Amino acid sequence: EEGNEEEGNEEEGNEEEDVVAAIVSELVSRAANASEEREDGDADDDERESSRRRESSRGSALLADVLAERYALDDFLASSASQLTRGGLASALDRVNERELVVFFRNNHFSTAFKLDGVLYNLVTDQGYLGEPDVVWEVL
């Protein structure tokens, strides 16, 4: 079962990478198409050169936007790899009442969570901690 779980996590990682690659490919394609657009053939050489510079500048700006979006996507994927975002955690803390026991869904698994003194705890059920008698709850 652990092997299947690792394969599932690997497939999820590959799917995320595929999504990011598809988005980046689309954005690069848009930047390339924008830089290929040309003014009418009736413009004289000075106007053409000016037009090329504007297009090059637009293309550079689009490429910068593409790269910025790529870095933002990479950052988001890295920070939410555990499927727990700051916004999601804040929402969970707001919705769970003090000393309330709830079912928590994360990483495609159901678990038990409990809120005590404003802190949300998750019951540790991972096989890796089976031999650790002191590990029962983890802070989310």
N, C-alpha and C. Protein backbone atom coordinates (compact mmCIF):
# COMPACT_ATOMS: atom_id res chain seq x y z
N GLU A 1 0.82 -1.20 0.00
CA GLU A 1 0.00 0.00 0.00
C GLU A 1 0.86 1.26 0.00
N GLU A 2 2.00 1.21 0.75
CA GLU A 2 2.88 2.37 0.76
C GLU A 2 3.44 2.64 -0.62
N GLY A 3 3.76 1.58 -1.37
CA GLY A 3 4.26 1.74 -2.73
C GLY A 3 3.26 2.44 -3.61
N ASN A 4 1.98 2.05 -3.48
CA ASN A 4 0.92 2.70 -4.26
C ASN A 4 0.78 4.15 -3.87
N GLU A 5 0.93 4.43 -2.55
CA GLU A 5 0.81 5.80 -2.08
C GLU A 5 1.95 6.65 -2.65
N GLU A 6 3.17 6.09 -2.67
CA GLU A 6 4.29 6.82 -3.23
C GLU A 6 4.09 7.06 -4.71
N GLU A 7 3.57 6.04 -5.43
CA GLU A 7 3.30 6.21 -6.86
C GLU A 7 2.26 7.29 -7.07
N GLY A 8 1.22 7.31 -6.20
CA GLY A 8 0.18 8.34 -6.31
C GLY A 8 0.75 9.72 -6.09
N ASN A 9 1.62 9.87 -5.09
CA ASN A 9 2.23 11.18 -4.83
C ASN A 9 3.13 11.58 -5.99
N GLU A 10 3.85 10.61 -6.57
CA GLU A 10 4.72 10.89 -7.71
C GLU A 10 3.88 11.32 -8.91
N GLU A 11 2.74 10.64 -9.13
CA GLU A 11 1.86 11.00 -10.24
C GLU A 11 1.30 12.39 -10.04
N GLU A 12 0.92 12.73 -8.77
CA GLU A 12 0.40 14.07 -8.49
C GLU A 12 1.46 15.11 -8.80
N GLY A 13 2.72 14.83 -8.40
CA GLY A 13 3.81 15.76 -8.69
C GLY A 13 4.00 15.93 -10.17
N ASN A 14 3.92 14.82 -10.93
CA ASN A 14 4.07 14.90 -12.38
C ASN A 14 2.92 15.68 -13.00
N GLU A 15 1.71 15.50 -12.47
CA GLU A 15 0.56 16.24 -13.00
C GLU A 15 0.75 17.74 -12.76
N GLU A 16 1.24 18.12 -11.58
CA GLU A 16 1.47 19.53 -11.29
C GLU A 16 2.53 20.09 -12.24
N GLU A 17 3.60 19.33 -12.46
CA GLU A 17 4.64 19.79 -13.37
C GLU A 17 4.10 19.92 -14.79
N ASP A 18 3.23 18.99 -15.20
CA ASP A 18 2.62 19.06 -16.53
C ASP A 18 1.75 20.31 -16.66
N VAL A 19 1.00 20.63 -15.62
CA VAL A 19 0.14 21.82 -15.65
C VAL A 19 0.99 23.07 -15.76
N VAL A 20 2.05 23.16 -14.95
CA VAL A 20 2.93 24.32 -15.00
C VAL A 20 3.58 24.43 -16.38
N ALA A 21 4.05 23.29 -16.93
CA ALA A 21 4.67 23.31 -18.25
C ALA A 21 3.69 23.77 -19.32
N ALA A 22 2.43 23.32 -19.23
CA ALA A 22 1.43 23.72 -20.21
C ALA A 22 1.15 25.22 -20.12
N ILE A 23 1.07 25.74 -18.91
CA ILE A 23 0.81 27.17 -18.73
C ILE A 23 1.98 27.98 -19.27
N VAL A 24 3.19 27.57 -18.93
CA VAL A 24 4.37 28.29 -19.42
C VAL A 24 4.44 28.24 -20.93
N SER A 25 4.15 27.08 -21.51
CA SER A 25 4.17 26.94 -22.97
C SER A 25 3.16 27.89 -23.61
N GLU A 26 1.97 27.97 -23.05
CA GLU A 26 0.94 28.87 -23.58
C GLU A 26 1.39 30.32 -23.48
N LEU A 27 1.97 30.70 -22.35
CA LEU A 27 2.40 32.09 -22.17
C LEU A 27 3.56 32.44 -23.10
N VAL A 28 4.49 31.52 -23.29
CA VAL A 28 5.60 31.75 -24.21
C VAL A 28 5.08 31.88 -25.64
N SER A 29 4.10 31.04 -25.99
CA SER A 29 3.49 31.10 -27.32
C SER A 29 2.83 32.46 -27.54
N ARG A 30 2.13 32.95 -26.52
CA ARG A 30 1.49 34.27 -26.64
C ARG A 30 2.54 35.36 -26.85
N ALA A 31 3.64 35.27 -26.10
CA ALA A 31 4.70 36.27 -26.23
C ALA A 31 5.30 36.22 -27.62
N ALA A 32 5.52 35.02 -28.14
CA ALA A 32 6.09 34.87 -29.48
C ALA A 32 5.14 35.42 -30.54
N ASN A 33 3.85 35.13 -30.41
CA ASN A 33 2.87 35.64 -31.38
C ASN A 33 2.79 37.15 -31.34
N ALA A 34 2.86 37.72 -30.16
CA ALA A 34 2.78 39.18 -30.05
C ALA A 34 3.99 39.83 -30.69
N SER A 35 5.16 39.21 -30.56
CA SER A 35 6.35 39.82 -31.15
C SER A 35 6.40 39.65 -32.67
N GLU A 36 5.62 38.72 -33.22
CA GLU A 36 5.60 38.48 -34.67
C GLU A 36 4.66 39.43 -35.41
N GLU A 37 3.77 40.09 -34.67
CA GLU A 37 2.84 41.00 -35.34
C GLU A 37 3.61 42.19 -35.93
N ARG A 38 3.28 42.56 -37.11
CA ARG A 38 3.98 43.65 -37.81
C ARG A 38 2.99 44.72 -38.25
N GLU A 39 3.54 45.94 -38.41
CA GLU A 39 2.74 47.05 -38.93
C GLU A 39 2.53 46.86 -40.42
N ASP A 40 1.65 47.63 -41.03
CA ASP A 40 1.39 47.56 -42.48
C ASP A 40 2.68 47.76 -43.27
N GLY A 41 2.75 47.17 -44.46
CA GLY A 41 3.93 47.25 -45.31
C GLY A 41 4.15 48.64 -45.89
N ASP A 42 3.19 49.56 -45.78
CA ASP A 42 3.32 50.90 -46.35
C ASP A 42 4.21 51.82 -45.50
N ALA A 43 4.51 51.44 -44.29
CA ALA A 43 5.31 52.31 -43.42
C ALA A 43 6.73 52.41 -43.95
N ASP A 44 7.34 53.57 -43.79
CA ASP A 44 8.72 53.71 -44.26
C ASP A 44 9.68 53.06 -43.27
N ASP A 45 10.98 53.06 -43.59
CA ASP A 45 11.99 52.34 -42.80
C ASP A 45 12.03 52.82 -41.35
N ASP A 46 11.94 54.15 -41.13
CA ASP A 46 11.99 54.67 -39.76
C ASP A 46 10.80 54.17 -38.95
N GLU A 47 9.63 54.20 -39.58
CA GLU A 47 8.44 53.72 -38.89
C GLU A 47 8.54 52.23 -38.60
N ARG A 48 9.09 51.47 -39.55
CA ARG A 48 9.27 50.02 -39.34
C ARG A 48 10.23 49.76 -38.18
N GLU A 49 11.33 50.50 -38.16
CA GLU A 49 12.31 50.32 -37.08
C GLU A 49 11.68 50.66 -35.73
N SER A 50 10.95 51.75 -35.70
CA SER A 50 10.26 52.15 -34.47
C SER A 50 9.26 51.09 -34.05
N SER A 51 8.54 50.57 -35.04
CA SER A 51 7.56 49.52 -34.76
C SER A 51 8.24 48.27 -34.22
N ARG A 52 9.37 47.89 -34.82
CA ARG A 52 10.11 46.71 -34.35
C ARG A 52 10.57 46.89 -32.91
N ARG A 53 11.02 48.09 -32.59
CA ARG A 53 11.47 48.37 -31.21
C ARG A 53 10.32 48.25 -30.22
N ARG A 54 9.16 48.81 -30.61
CA ARG A 54 7.99 48.70 -29.73
C ARG A 54 7.59 47.25 -29.54
N GLU A 55 7.59 46.49 -30.64
CA GLU A 55 7.22 45.08 -30.57
C GLU A 55 8.22 44.30 -29.73
N SER A 56 9.50 44.61 -29.90
CA SER A 56 10.53 43.95 -29.11
C SER A 56 10.35 44.26 -27.64
N SER A 57 10.02 45.52 -27.36
CA SER A 57 9.79 45.93 -25.98
C SER A 57 8.57 45.21 -25.41
N ARG A 58 7.48 45.12 -26.22
CA ARG A 58 6.28 44.39 -25.79
C ARG A 58 6.60 42.92 -25.57
N GLY A 59 7.38 42.35 -26.48
CA GLY A 59 7.76 40.95 -26.35
C GLY A 59 8.58 40.71 -25.09
N SER A 60 9.50 41.64 -24.80
CA SER A 60 10.31 41.52 -23.58
C SER A 60 9.43 41.63 -22.34
N ALA A 61 8.48 42.55 -22.39
CA ALA A 61 7.57 42.71 -21.26
C ALA A 61 6.72 41.46 -21.07
N LEU A 62 6.24 40.89 -22.18
CA LEU A 62 5.45 39.66 -22.09
C LEU A 62 6.29 38.51 -21.54
N LEU A 63 7.53 38.41 -22.00
CA LEU A 63 8.40 37.36 -21.50
C LEU A 63 8.66 37.55 -20.01
N ALA A 64 8.86 38.79 -19.59
CA ALA A 64 9.05 39.06 -18.16
C ALA A 64 7.81 38.65 -17.38
N ASP A 65 6.62 38.93 -17.93
CA ASP A 65 5.37 38.52 -17.28
C ASP A 65 5.28 37.00 -17.20
N VAL A 66 5.66 36.33 -18.28
CA VAL A 66 5.63 34.86 -18.31
C VAL A 66 6.54 34.31 -17.23
N LEU A 67 7.74 34.84 -17.14
CA LEU A 67 8.68 34.36 -16.14
C LEU A 67 8.18 34.65 -14.72
N ALA A 68 7.60 35.82 -14.52
CA ALA A 68 7.07 36.15 -13.20
C ALA A 68 5.93 35.20 -12.82
N GLU A 69 5.06 34.90 -13.78
CA GLU A 69 3.97 33.95 -13.51
C GLU A 69 4.52 32.57 -13.23
N ARG A 70 5.54 32.17 -13.96
CA ARG A 70 6.15 30.85 -13.75
C ARG A 70 6.71 30.76 -12.33
N TYR A 71 7.44 31.81 -11.91
CA TYR A 71 8.00 31.80 -10.56
C TYR A 71 6.90 31.80 -9.51
N ALA A 72 5.83 32.53 -9.76
CA ALA A 72 4.71 32.54 -8.81
C ALA A 72 4.06 31.16 -8.72
N LEU A 73 3.89 30.50 -9.87
CA LEU A 73 3.33 29.14 -9.86
C LEU A 73 4.24 28.17 -9.13
N ASP A 74 5.53 28.24 -9.41
CA ASP A 74 6.49 27.36 -8.74
C ASP A 74 6.46 27.59 -7.23
N ASP A 75 6.42 28.86 -6.83
CA ASP A 75 6.39 29.21 -5.41
C ASP A 75 5.12 28.66 -4.75
N PHE A 76 3.97 28.83 -5.42
CA PHE A 76 2.72 28.32 -4.87
C PHE A 76 2.76 26.80 -4.73
N LEU A 77 3.22 26.10 -5.76
CA LEU A 77 3.28 24.65 -5.71
C LEU A 77 4.23 24.17 -4.62
N ALA A 78 5.34 24.86 -4.44
CA ALA A 78 6.29 24.47 -3.39
C ALA A 78 5.70 24.72 -2.00
N SER A 79 5.00 25.85 -1.83
CA SER A 79 4.47 26.19 -0.51
C SER A 79 3.21 25.40 -0.17
N SER A 80 2.56 24.80 -1.15
CA SER A 80 1.33 24.05 -0.86
C SER A 80 1.49 22.57 -1.18
N ALA A 81 2.72 22.08 -1.21
CA ALA A 81 2.96 20.68 -1.54
C ALA A 81 2.26 19.74 -0.57
N SER A 82 2.10 20.17 0.66
CA SER A 82 1.41 19.32 1.65
C SER A 82 -0.10 19.50 1.58
N GLN A 83 -0.57 20.22 0.58
CA GLN A 83 -1.99 20.53 0.39
C GLN A 83 -2.56 21.30 1.58
N LEU A 84 -1.72 22.09 2.21
CA LEU A 84 -2.17 22.93 3.33
C LEU A 84 -1.60 24.32 3.09
N THR A 85 -2.47 25.26 2.74
CA THR A 85 -2.04 26.63 2.51
C THR A 85 -2.32 27.47 3.74
N ARG A 86 -1.67 28.61 3.82
CA ARG A 86 -1.92 29.51 4.96
C ARG A 86 -3.39 29.91 5.03
N GLY A 87 -3.95 30.21 3.84
CA GLY A 87 -5.37 30.60 3.80
C GLY A 87 -6.28 29.47 4.26
N GLY A 88 -5.97 28.25 3.82
CA GLY A 88 -6.76 27.09 4.22
C GLY A 88 -6.66 26.82 5.71
N LEU A 89 -5.45 26.96 6.25
CA LEU A 89 -5.26 26.75 7.69
C LEU A 89 -5.99 27.83 8.49
N ALA A 90 -5.91 29.07 8.04
CA ALA A 90 -6.61 30.16 8.73
C ALA A 90 -8.11 29.91 8.70
N SER A 91 -8.62 29.45 7.57
CA SER A 91 -10.04 29.14 7.45
C SER A 91 -10.44 28.01 8.39
N ALA A 92 -9.61 26.98 8.46
CA ALA A 92 -9.90 25.85 9.36
C ALA A 92 -9.90 26.32 10.81
N LEU A 93 -8.93 27.15 11.17
CA LEU A 93 -8.86 27.65 12.55
C LEU A 93 -10.09 28.48 12.90
N ASP A 94 -10.59 29.25 11.93
CA ASP A 94 -11.78 30.07 12.17
C ASP A 94 -13.04 29.23 12.32
N ARG A 95 -13.14 28.15 11.57
CA ARG A 95 -14.37 27.36 11.53
C ARG A 95 -14.47 26.29 12.62
N VAL A 96 -13.33 25.81 13.10
CA VAL A 96 -13.36 24.76 14.13
C VAL A 96 -13.46 25.43 15.49
N ASN A 97 -14.40 24.95 16.28
CA ASN A 97 -14.60 25.50 17.62
C ASN A 97 -13.56 24.93 18.58
N GLU A 98 -13.32 25.64 19.66
CA GLU A 98 -12.40 25.20 20.70
C GLU A 98 -12.86 23.86 21.27
N ARG A 99 -11.91 22.93 21.43
CA ARG A 99 -12.14 21.58 21.97
C ARG A 99 -13.09 20.76 21.09
N GLU A 100 -13.14 21.08 19.80
CA GLU A 100 -13.99 20.34 18.86
C GLU A 100 -13.14 19.33 18.09
N LEU A 101 -13.66 18.13 17.97
CA LEU A 101 -13.04 17.06 17.22
C LEU A 101 -13.68 17.03 15.84
N VAL A 102 -12.86 17.07 14.76
CA VAL A 102 -13.39 17.14 13.40
C VAL A 102 -12.64 16.16 12.49
N VAL A 103 -13.26 15.87 11.36
CA VAL A 103 -12.60 15.09 10.31
C VAL A 103 -11.88 16.07 9.40
N PHE A 104 -10.62 15.80 9.13
CA PHE A 104 -9.77 16.69 8.34
C PHE A 104 -9.33 15.93 7.10
N PHE A 105 -9.47 16.55 5.91
CA PHE A 105 -9.06 15.90 4.67
C PHE A 105 -7.87 16.65 4.09
N ARG A 106 -6.76 15.91 3.94
CA ARG A 106 -5.53 16.50 3.39
C ARG A 106 -4.69 15.39 2.78
N ASN A 107 -4.05 15.68 1.67
CA ASN A 107 -3.20 14.70 0.97
C ASN A 107 -3.96 13.42 0.64
N ASN A 108 -5.22 13.60 0.23
CA ASN A 108 -6.09 12.48 -0.15
C ASN A 108 -6.33 11.48 0.97
N HIS A 109 -6.28 11.95 2.21
CA HIS A 109 -6.53 11.09 3.37
C HIS A 109 -7.41 11.83 4.36
N PHE A 110 -8.29 11.07 5.00
CA PHE A 110 -9.07 11.61 6.10
C PHE A 110 -8.28 11.41 7.38
N SER A 111 -8.34 12.38 8.27
CA SER A 111 -7.68 12.24 9.56
C SER A 111 -8.54 12.95 10.61
N THR A 112 -8.10 12.82 11.84
CA THR A 112 -8.81 13.43 12.95
C THR A 112 -8.06 14.67 13.39
N ALA A 113 -8.78 15.77 13.55
CA ALA A 113 -8.17 17.02 14.02
C ALA A 113 -8.91 17.50 15.26
N PHE A 114 -8.20 18.28 16.07
CA PHE A 114 -8.74 18.76 17.34
C PHE A 114 -8.17 20.14 17.59
N LYS A 115 -9.03 21.06 18.06
CA LYS A 115 -8.56 22.42 18.35
C LYS A 115 -8.52 22.61 19.87
N LEU A 116 -7.36 23.05 20.35
CA LEU A 116 -7.19 23.29 21.77
C LEU A 116 -6.33 24.53 21.96
N ASP A 117 -6.82 25.46 22.75
CA ASP A 117 -6.11 26.72 23.03
C ASP A 117 -5.74 27.46 21.74
N GLY A 118 -6.64 27.43 20.75
CA GLY A 118 -6.44 28.15 19.51
C GLY A 118 -5.46 27.49 18.55
N VAL A 119 -5.05 26.27 18.85
CA VAL A 119 -4.10 25.54 18.01
C VAL A 119 -4.81 24.32 17.44
N LEU A 120 -4.62 24.08 16.14
CA LEU A 120 -5.24 22.93 15.49
C LEU A 120 -4.23 21.78 15.46
N TYR A 121 -4.64 20.63 16.01
CA TYR A 121 -3.79 19.45 16.06
C TYR A 121 -4.36 18.37 15.15
N ASN A 122 -3.48 17.58 14.56
CA ASN A 122 -3.88 16.48 13.69
C ASN A 122 -3.37 15.18 14.31
N LEU A 123 -4.24 14.18 14.42
CA LEU A 123 -3.85 12.89 14.97
C LEU A 123 -2.88 12.22 14.02
N VAL A 124 -1.72 11.81 14.53
CA VAL A 124 -0.69 11.19 13.70
C VAL A 124 -1.04 9.72 13.50
N THR A 125 -1.22 9.35 12.23
CA THR A 125 -1.58 7.96 11.90
C THR A 125 -0.61 7.35 10.90
N ASP A 126 0.46 8.06 10.59
CA ASP A 126 1.43 7.59 9.60
C ASP A 126 2.18 6.37 10.14
N GLN A 127 2.35 5.35 9.30
CA GLN A 127 3.04 4.12 9.68
C GLN A 127 4.48 4.40 10.14
N GLY A 128 5.08 5.45 9.63
CA GLY A 128 6.44 5.78 10.00
C GLY A 128 6.60 6.12 11.47
N TYR A 129 5.54 6.51 12.13
CA TYR A 129 5.60 6.88 13.54
C TYR A 129 5.07 5.76 14.45
N LEU A 130 4.85 4.58 13.90
CA LEU A 130 4.28 3.47 14.65
C LEU A 130 5.12 3.12 15.88
N GLY A 131 6.43 3.18 15.76
CA GLY A 131 7.31 2.84 16.87
C GLY A 131 7.66 4.01 17.77
N GLU A 132 7.04 5.16 17.56
CA GLU A 132 7.31 6.36 18.35
C GLU A 132 6.20 6.58 19.36
N PRO A 133 6.37 6.14 20.61
CA PRO A 133 5.29 6.26 21.60
C PRO A 133 4.96 7.69 22.00
N ASP A 134 5.89 8.63 21.79
CA ASP A 134 5.66 10.01 22.21
C ASP A 134 4.94 10.85 21.15
N VAL A 135 4.79 10.33 19.94
CA VAL A 135 4.16 11.09 18.87
C VAL A 135 2.71 10.65 18.73
N VAL A 136 1.81 11.57 19.05
CA VAL A 136 0.38 11.29 18.94
C VAL A 136 -0.32 12.35 18.09
N TRP A 137 -0.01 13.62 18.37
CA TRP A 137 -0.63 14.74 17.67
C TRP A 137 0.45 15.59 17.02
N GLU A 138 0.14 16.16 15.88
CA GLU A 138 1.03 17.12 15.24
C GLU A 138 0.30 18.46 15.13
N VAL A 139 1.05 19.53 15.25
CA VAL A 139 0.47 20.87 15.12
C VAL A 139 0.40 21.20 13.64
N LEU A 140 -0.79 21.67 13.22
CA LEU A 140 -0.95 22.07 11.81
C LEU A 140 -0.56 23.52 11.63
